[in-house]
Amino acid sequence: MLNEPIISATVLFALLAFGEILSTLTKARIPMLLTAMISFLLLKWAGILPASILKSAILPSLGAIAIAPAIMHMGTMMPLSTLKKQWKAVIISFSGIIGSTFFILTIVTFVFDFRTAASGVGPIAGGLVALLITIDKLKELHLEYLIVLPALVQGLQAVIGLPLSSLFMKRYGEYYLEHNFRNTNSVKNTINDNENKNSFHTRFPILQNNILRLFIMFFLATIAFIIGNYTHIHYSLICLFFGILGFKFGLFEQAELEHNKSFTILVVSIMLIVIGSLGNVTPKDLFENLPAIALILFIGAMGILIGGSIAARIVGWKYTKALPVALTALYGFPGDYLLCVEVSRSVANNEEEQEALFKELLSPMLIGGFTTVTIASVILTGIIMNFMH
């Protein structure tokens, strides 16, 4: 029965729904995505969920092509005027990754060896590309026995990153609403970002068609993918850029996918890919590599917090705002977006506060995630892997 697409999809939806309920009841203390990932892993280990459930559900296949337009959608939520202020998020993100790399290479090398430490540097910085670079190098050196380690680090890092980020973000959200929003009544300045709202849609009414607007996003995502192949710039960054420009010049509305009624199903399909990343982890793999994995995750997270704290002090950000940005290395998109939604919903007293806090959190978190997962992790992994022999 679980091989039927509708049943498989419903079961996976149930994990997300359970995570959403638990997140709401605990006021985001337990992140939804974390609950769904752990529940999926435990049910697979217990033999309740078949190995083929993700394939049967079909939705994860949609998620694979939904990532690009979803990232473009994020660009439509970040006006250029806001992005100009996010250079501090970039500095904090890089500092966190540098901190984790330094401590992993120092401490893990001392406890185990350099190969074990180097194998964990890329995945702890986030990013599938960094994981693939690590695996390719290990295969080249005939160190296949080590491949399971970076794969498990990649799969389990969100278990640490999500709850830590949620804790800091809630504290910052309470501070922001109390000191920067309620006392200054800044909602008008926060929400009214779309200076060129509907300029294209007004001149060309056909662009108000939801199917056509969704096609434009997928077309631009295809262009971004092609450009990325020739320039070696990750397509996700190009999609983000297209979304920002499309919003700036009025081709897209703010939060475009929500306007064309497509956002929820696309994000759900992406989340199913994320929870499925733990699908190949077995109890035996986890047990055999647990000491090295635990040390890499702990030292890596501490390094990110230390590096992020130093940078926060330099750029003048509160620690509770800066540290979640640095911790995006441990989960990236869509975890960063979902945390912004959960925290703003749990902390705010009304819709006005919720929207203001969401916009305050979103830009630095997304910029942090792109900086760490898409850029920093790839650069650092490429450098570190060259020292392996």
Protein backbone atom coordinates (compact mmCIF):
# COMPACT_ATOMS: atom_id res chain seq x y z
CA MET A 1 0.00 0.00 0.00
CA LEU A 2 2.78 2.45 0.82
CA ASN A 3 4.05 2.12 -2.73
CA GLU A 4 0.98 3.96 -4.00
CA PRO A 5 1.93 7.62 -4.75
CA ILE A 6 -1.05 9.18 -2.95
CA ILE A 7 -0.47 7.08 0.19
CA SER A 8 3.29 7.67 0.21
CA ALA A 9 2.81 11.40 -0.24
CA THR A 10 0.19 11.51 2.53
CA VAL A 11 2.50 9.69 4.96
CA LEU A 12 5.34 12.13 4.26
CA PHE A 13 2.95 15.05 4.56
CA ALA A 14 1.96 13.66 7.95
CA LEU A 15 5.56 14.01 9.16
CA LEU A 16 5.62 17.66 8.10
CA ALA A 17 2.21 18.27 9.66
CA PHE A 18 3.33 16.65 12.92
CA GLY A 19 6.43 18.86 12.93
CA GLU A 20 4.31 21.94 12.28
CA ILE A 21 1.94 21.11 15.14
CA LEU A 22 4.83 20.46 17.54
CA SER A 23 6.55 23.67 16.50
CA THR A 24 3.36 25.66 17.10
CA LEU A 25 2.69 24.08 20.49
CA THR A 26 6.28 24.67 21.68
CA LYS A 27 6.41 28.19 20.20
CA ALA A 28 9.19 27.21 17.76
CA ARG A 29 11.40 25.70 20.49
CA ILE A 30 11.32 22.49 18.46
CA PRO A 31 11.74 23.39 14.77
CA MET A 32 9.32 21.73 12.37
CA LEU A 33 11.98 20.54 9.93
CA LEU A 34 14.02 18.93 12.71
CA THR A 35 10.99 16.97 13.95
CA ALA A 36 10.18 15.77 10.44
CA MET A 37 13.77 14.69 9.74
CA ILE A 38 14.19 12.72 12.98
CA SER A 39 10.73 11.14 12.65
CA PHE A 40 11.54 10.03 9.11
CA LEU A 41 14.85 8.53 10.20
CA LEU A 42 13.39 6.62 13.16
CA LEU A 43 10.47 5.26 11.11
CA LYS A 44 12.87 4.02 8.43
CA TRP A 45 15.06 2.34 11.03
CA ALA A 46 11.99 0.67 12.53
CA GLY A 47 11.05 -0.69 9.11
CA ILE A 48 7.73 1.16 9.10
CA LEU A 49 8.62 3.27 6.07
CA PRO A 50 9.90 1.40 3.00
CA ALA A 51 13.16 2.42 1.36
CA SER A 52 11.30 3.46 -1.79
CA ILE A 53 8.78 5.81 -0.15
CA LEU A 54 10.40 9.01 -1.42
CA LYS A 55 10.43 7.67 -4.97
CA SER A 56 6.85 6.47 -4.67
CA ALA A 57 5.63 9.82 -3.37
CA ILE A 58 6.84 11.56 -6.57
CA LEU A 59 6.78 14.97 -4.83
CA PRO A 60 10.53 14.95 -4.08
CA SER A 61 11.05 14.82 -7.85
CA LEU A 62 9.13 18.08 -8.06
CA GLY A 63 11.31 19.43 -5.26
CA ALA A 64 14.43 18.87 -7.34
CA ILE A 65 13.18 21.35 -9.96
CA ALA A 66 11.41 23.63 -7.47
CA ILE A 67 14.57 24.80 -5.70
CA ALA A 68 15.54 27.32 -8.39
CA PRO A 69 12.17 29.17 -8.61
CA ALA A 70 11.87 29.02 -4.81
CA ILE A 71 15.21 30.80 -4.45
CA MET A 72 14.08 33.33 -7.06
CA HIS A 73 10.99 33.84 -4.91
CA MET A 74 13.29 34.66 -1.98
CA GLY A 75 14.88 37.35 -4.13
CA THR A 76 11.48 38.98 -4.62
CA MET A 77 11.27 39.36 -0.84
CA MET A 78 14.57 41.26 -0.51
CA PRO A 79 14.54 44.81 -1.94
CA LEU A 80 17.90 46.23 -3.05
CA SER A 81 17.62 48.89 -0.36
CA THR A 82 17.58 46.12 2.25
CA LEU A 83 20.31 44.04 0.64
CA LYS A 84 22.77 46.93 0.68
CA LYS A 85 22.74 46.68 4.46
CA GLN A 86 23.55 42.94 4.56
CA TRP A 87 27.34 43.14 4.16
CA LYS A 88 27.52 42.49 7.88
CA ALA A 89 25.70 39.17 7.40
CA VAL A 90 28.34 38.14 4.84
CA ILE A 91 31.19 38.95 7.25
CA ILE A 92 29.51 37.06 10.09
CA SER A 93 28.86 34.03 7.88
CA PHE A 94 32.44 33.83 6.64
CA SER A 95 33.77 34.29 10.17
CA GLY A 96 31.65 31.41 11.44
CA ILE A 97 32.93 29.08 8.72
CA ILE A 98 36.54 30.12 9.30
CA GLY A 99 36.07 29.43 13.02
CA SER A 100 34.64 25.96 12.43
CA THR A 101 37.36 25.07 9.92
CA PHE A 102 40.13 26.17 12.27
CA PHE A 103 38.85 24.22 15.28
CA ILE A 104 37.99 21.08 13.30
CA LEU A 105 41.41 20.94 11.65
CA THR A 106 43.11 21.59 14.98
CA ILE A 107 41.18 19.47 17.48
CA VAL A 108 39.79 16.65 15.31
CA THR A 109 43.18 16.13 13.70
CA PHE A 110 44.72 15.81 17.17
CA VAL A 111 42.08 13.31 18.36
CA PHE A 112 41.79 11.28 15.13
CA ASP A 113 43.82 12.32 12.06
CA PHE A 114 43.95 14.98 9.35
CA ARG A 115 41.99 12.90 6.84
CA THR A 116 39.08 12.49 9.23
CA ALA A 117 39.12 16.20 10.09
CA ALA A 118 39.37 17.30 6.46
CA SER A 119 36.51 15.01 5.50
CA GLY A 120 34.23 16.88 7.89
CA VAL A 121 35.19 20.46 7.03
CA GLY A 122 33.19 20.75 3.80
CA PRO A 123 29.94 19.14 5.00
CA ILE A 124 29.91 21.08 8.29
CA ALA A 125 30.04 24.26 6.19
CA GLY A 126 26.90 23.08 4.47
CA GLY A 127 26.19 22.43 0.85
CA LEU A 128 25.76 19.40 -1.36
CA VAL A 129 28.49 20.66 -3.68
CA ALA A 130 31.03 20.65 -0.84
CA LEU A 131 29.99 17.10 0.04
CA LEU A 132 30.46 15.94 -3.54
CA ILE A 133 33.91 17.56 -3.74
CA THR A 134 34.88 15.73 -0.54
CA ILE A 135 33.58 12.38 -1.77
CA ASP A 136 35.32 12.71 -5.14
CA LYS A 137 38.64 13.42 -3.42
CA LEU A 138 38.23 10.46 -1.06
CA LYS A 139 37.51 8.18 -4.01
CA GLU A 140 40.55 9.55 -5.84
CA LEU A 141 42.74 8.68 -2.85
CA HIS A 142 41.07 5.26 -2.45
CA LEU A 143 39.70 6.23 0.95
CA GLU A 144 36.19 4.93 0.31
CA TYR A 145 35.88 3.78 3.92
CA LEU A 146 35.75 7.47 4.95
CA ILE A 147 32.93 8.46 2.59
CA VAL A 148 30.21 7.58 5.08
CA LEU A 149 31.62 10.14 7.56
CA PRO A 150 31.05 13.35 5.52
CA ALA A 151 27.72 11.96 4.32
CA LEU A 152 26.55 11.46 7.90
CA VAL A 153 27.87 14.85 9.00
CA GLN A 154 25.95 16.42 6.12
CA GLY A 155 22.79 14.56 7.07
CA LEU A 156 22.92 15.20 10.82
CA GLN A 157 24.23 18.75 11.10
CA ALA A 158 20.75 20.27 11.05
CA VAL A 159 19.98 18.40 14.29
CA ILE A 160 22.33 20.87 16.01
CA GLY A 161 21.87 23.94 13.83
CA LEU A 162 18.09 24.24 13.78
CA PRO A 163 17.31 24.24 17.54
CA LEU A 164 20.28 26.50 18.33
CA SER A 165 19.22 29.00 15.69
CA SER A 166 15.61 28.89 16.85
CA LEU A 167 16.69 29.68 20.43
CA PHE A 168 18.78 32.70 19.42
CA MET A 169 16.22 33.96 16.90
CA LYS A 170 13.40 33.90 19.44
CA ARG A 171 15.43 35.97 21.87
CA TYR A 172 16.35 38.46 19.17
CA GLY A 173 12.74 38.56 17.93
CA GLU A 174 11.49 39.50 21.38
CA TYR A 175 14.18 42.18 21.66
CA TYR A 176 13.47 43.57 18.20
CA LEU A 177 9.73 43.85 18.71
CA GLU A 178 10.14 45.45 22.12
CA HIS A 179 12.90 47.96 21.31
CA ASN A 180 12.88 48.50 17.55
CA PHE A 181 9.29 48.02 16.49
CA ARG A 182 6.69 48.66 19.16
CA ASN A 183 8.42 51.75 20.49
CA THR A 184 9.13 53.26 17.06
CA ASN A 185 6.09 52.02 15.14
CA SER A 186 8.33 51.27 12.18
CA VAL A 187 5.99 48.89 10.41
CA LYS A 188 5.27 51.26 7.54
CA ASN A 189 8.93 51.56 6.69
CA THR A 190 9.41 47.82 7.07
CA ILE A 191 6.54 46.61 4.96
CA ASN A 192 6.29 49.14 2.18
CA ASP A 193 9.27 47.93 0.17
CA ASN A 194 7.81 47.57 -3.30
CA GLU A 195 8.38 50.98 -4.84
CA ASN A 196 7.64 49.75 -8.35
CA LYS A 197 4.73 47.54 -7.50
CA ASN A 198 2.96 46.01 -10.50
CA SER A 199 4.63 48.28 -13.08
CA PHE A 200 4.89 45.45 -15.63
CA HIS A 201 1.57 43.97 -14.60
CA THR A 202 -0.16 47.32 -15.09
CA ARG A 203 1.35 47.85 -18.55
CA PHE A 204 0.87 44.22 -19.62
CA PRO A 205 -2.27 42.79 -17.95
CA ILE A 206 -1.57 39.34 -19.40
CA LEU A 207 1.26 39.03 -16.86
CA GLN A 208 -1.36 38.79 -14.16
CA ASN A 209 -2.03 35.22 -15.34
CA ASN A 210 -0.68 32.85 -12.69
CA ILE A 211 0.39 30.14 -15.13
CA LEU A 212 2.31 32.62 -17.26
CA ARG A 213 4.01 34.13 -14.22
CA LEU A 214 5.08 30.69 -13.00
CA PHE A 215 6.40 29.88 -16.48
CA ILE A 216 8.52 33.07 -16.42
CA MET A 217 10.10 31.98 -13.16
CA PHE A 218 10.92 28.51 -14.48
CA PHE A 219 12.25 30.01 -17.73
CA LEU A 220 14.56 32.36 -15.83
CA ALA A 221 15.61 29.46 -13.59
CA THR A 222 16.59 27.53 -16.73
CA ILE A 223 18.60 30.52 -17.97
CA ALA A 224 20.31 30.69 -14.56
CA PHE A 225 21.21 27.00 -14.77
CA ILE A 226 22.70 27.43 -18.25
CA ILE A 227 24.70 30.50 -17.17
CA GLY A 228 25.93 28.59 -14.14
CA ASN A 229 27.23 25.76 -16.32
CA TYR A 230 29.33 28.16 -18.38
CA THR A 231 30.49 30.52 -15.65
CA HIS A 232 30.79 28.04 -12.73
CA ILE A 233 28.73 30.48 -10.65
CA HIS A 234 26.23 28.42 -8.70
CA TYR A 235 22.82 28.71 -10.34
CA SER A 236 21.13 29.47 -7.01
CA LEU A 237 23.00 32.77 -6.75
CA ILE A 238 21.92 33.71 -10.26
CA CYS A 239 18.31 32.82 -9.41
CA LEU A 240 18.48 35.02 -6.33
CA PHE A 241 19.84 37.85 -8.50
CA PHE A 242 17.04 37.38 -11.07
CA GLY A 243 14.45 37.50 -8.30
CA ILE A 244 15.89 40.72 -6.84
CA LEU A 245 16.00 42.42 -10.24
CA GLY A 246 12.57 41.10 -11.23
CA PHE A 247 11.10 42.58 -8.08
CA LYS A 248 13.04 45.84 -8.47
CA PHE A 249 11.73 46.46 -11.99
CA GLY A 250 8.21 45.23 -11.36
CA LEU A 251 8.27 41.97 -13.31
CA PHE A 252 7.54 40.10 -10.07
CA GLU A 253 5.44 41.06 -7.11
CA GLN A 254 6.76 40.86 -3.59
CA ALA A 255 6.68 37.19 -2.51
CA GLU A 256 5.90 36.22 -6.10
CA LEU A 257 5.14 32.53 -5.63
CA GLU A 258 2.59 33.34 -2.93
CA HIS A 259 0.80 35.64 -5.38
CA ASN A 260 0.61 33.00 -8.11
CA LYS A 261 -0.59 30.37 -5.59
CA SER A 262 2.39 28.04 -6.01
CA PHE A 263 4.59 28.55 -2.96
CA THR A 264 3.26 26.01 -0.47
CA ILE A 265 3.39 22.95 -2.70
CA LEU A 266 6.86 23.85 -3.99
CA VAL A 267 8.27 24.35 -0.48
CA VAL A 268 6.69 21.10 0.73
CA SER A 269 8.31 19.22 -2.14
CA ILE A 270 11.69 20.78 -1.29
CA MET A 271 11.30 19.86 2.39
CA LEU A 272 10.72 16.25 1.39
CA ILE A 273 14.12 16.27 -0.30
CA VAL A 274 15.68 17.63 2.87
CA ILE A 275 14.18 15.02 5.19
CA GLY A 276 15.06 12.36 2.63
CA SER A 277 18.73 13.29 2.91
CA LEU A 278 18.85 11.00 5.95
CA GLY A 279 17.38 8.11 3.99
CA ASN A 280 20.64 6.20 3.52
CA VAL A 281 21.84 6.54 7.11
CA THR A 282 21.76 3.19 8.92
CA PRO A 283 22.15 2.52 12.66
CA LYS A 284 25.35 0.57 11.88
CA ASP A 285 26.87 3.49 9.96
CA LEU A 286 25.95 5.89 12.72
CA PHE A 287 27.33 3.65 15.49
CA GLU A 288 30.66 2.96 13.79
CA ASN A 289 31.35 6.61 12.98
CA LEU A 290 29.61 8.17 15.97
CA PRO A 291 32.72 9.35 17.88
CA ALA A 292 34.20 11.20 14.89
CA ILE A 293 30.82 12.55 13.77
CA ALA A 294 29.90 13.77 17.26
CA LEU A 295 33.25 15.51 17.69
CA ILE A 296 33.10 17.14 14.24
CA LEU A 297 29.54 18.36 14.81
CA PHE A 298 30.29 19.66 18.30
CA ILE A 299 33.61 21.32 17.45
CA GLY A 300 32.22 22.63 14.16
CA ALA A 301 29.20 24.20 15.85
CA MET A 302 31.36 25.72 18.59
CA GLY A 303 33.74 27.11 15.98
CA ILE A 304 30.83 28.71 14.11
CA LEU A 305 29.54 30.28 17.33
CA ILE A 306 32.97 31.60 18.29
CA GLY A 307 33.72 32.96 14.81
CA GLY A 308 30.24 34.47 14.55
CA SER A 309 30.52 36.07 18.00
CA ILE A 310 33.84 37.72 17.15
CA ALA A 311 32.41 39.09 13.91
CA ALA A 312 29.22 40.25 15.66
CA ARG A 313 31.29 42.30 18.07
CA ILE A 314 33.28 43.82 15.20
CA VAL A 315 30.25 44.81 13.07
CA GLY A 316 28.11 45.84 16.03
CA TRP A 317 25.30 43.28 15.84
CA LYS A 318 23.64 41.67 18.83
CA TYR A 319 24.81 38.10 19.35
CA THR A 320 21.25 36.82 19.17
CA LYS A 321 20.92 38.28 15.67
CA ALA A 322 24.37 37.31 14.40
CA LEU A 323 24.71 33.72 15.61
CA PRO A 324 21.69 32.31 13.71
CA VAL A 325 23.13 33.90 10.56
CA ALA A 326 26.44 32.10 11.15
CA LEU A 327 24.62 28.85 11.98
CA THR A 328 22.88 28.78 8.58
CA ALA A 329 25.97 26.83 7.49
CA LEU A 330 24.44 23.83 9.27
CA TYR A 331 21.19 23.74 7.30
CA GLY A 332 20.88 26.42 4.58
CA PHE A 333 17.73 26.74 2.48
CA PRO A 334 14.85 26.00 3.13
CA GLY A 335 15.68 25.68 6.84
CA ASP A 336 16.62 29.36 7.14
CA TYR A 337 13.33 30.47 5.57
CA LEU A 338 11.22 28.10 7.66
CA LEU A 339 12.85 29.26 10.89
CA CYS A 340 12.01 32.87 10.02
CA VAL A 341 8.37 31.87 9.52
CA GLU A 342 8.17 29.83 12.73
CA VAL A 343 9.91 32.35 14.97
CA SER A 344 8.02 35.39 13.69
CA ARG A 345 4.74 33.50 14.14
CA SER A 346 5.57 32.39 17.68
CA VAL A 347 6.95 35.68 19.02
CA ALA A 348 4.62 38.26 17.45
CA ASN A 349 1.33 39.29 19.03
CA ASN A 350 -0.44 40.18 15.78
CA GLU A 351 -0.06 40.00 12.00
CA GLU A 352 1.55 43.44 11.79
CA GLU A 353 4.32 42.45 14.21
CA GLN A 354 4.68 39.05 12.56
CA GLU A 355 5.28 40.57 9.11
CA ALA A 356 7.72 43.15 10.45
CA LEU A 357 9.76 40.57 12.36
CA PHE A 358 9.72 38.16 9.44
CA LYS A 359 11.21 40.80 7.15
CA GLU A 360 13.80 41.74 9.77
CA LEU A 361 14.95 38.12 10.07
CA LEU A 362 14.67 36.96 6.48
CA SER A 363 17.31 38.98 4.60
CA PRO A 364 20.33 38.32 6.86
CA MET A 365 19.38 34.65 7.26
CA LEU A 366 19.09 34.06 3.52
CA ILE A 367 22.27 36.00 2.77
CA GLY A 368 24.04 34.04 5.49
CA GLY A 369 22.82 30.75 4.05
CA PHE A 370 23.93 31.59 0.53
CA THR A 371 27.30 32.85 1.77
CA THR A 372 28.08 29.72 3.76
CA VAL A 373 26.41 26.90 1.88
CA THR A 374 26.85 28.10 -1.70
CA ILE A 375 30.12 30.03 -1.63
CA ALA A 376 32.27 29.58 1.48
CA SER A 377 31.81 25.82 1.80
CA VAL A 378 32.82 25.20 -1.83
CA ILE A 379 35.89 27.44 -1.63
CA LEU A 380 37.13 26.04 1.67
CA THR A 381 36.48 22.43 0.69
CA GLY A 382 38.40 22.87 -2.56
CA ILE A 383 41.36 24.29 -0.67
CA ILE A 384 41.39 21.73 2.17
CA MET A 385 40.98 18.74 -0.15
CA ASN A 386 44.14 19.78 -2.03
CA PHE A 387 46.13 19.11 1.16
CA MET A 388 44.92 15.52 1.40
CA HIS A 389 47.21 12.81 0.07
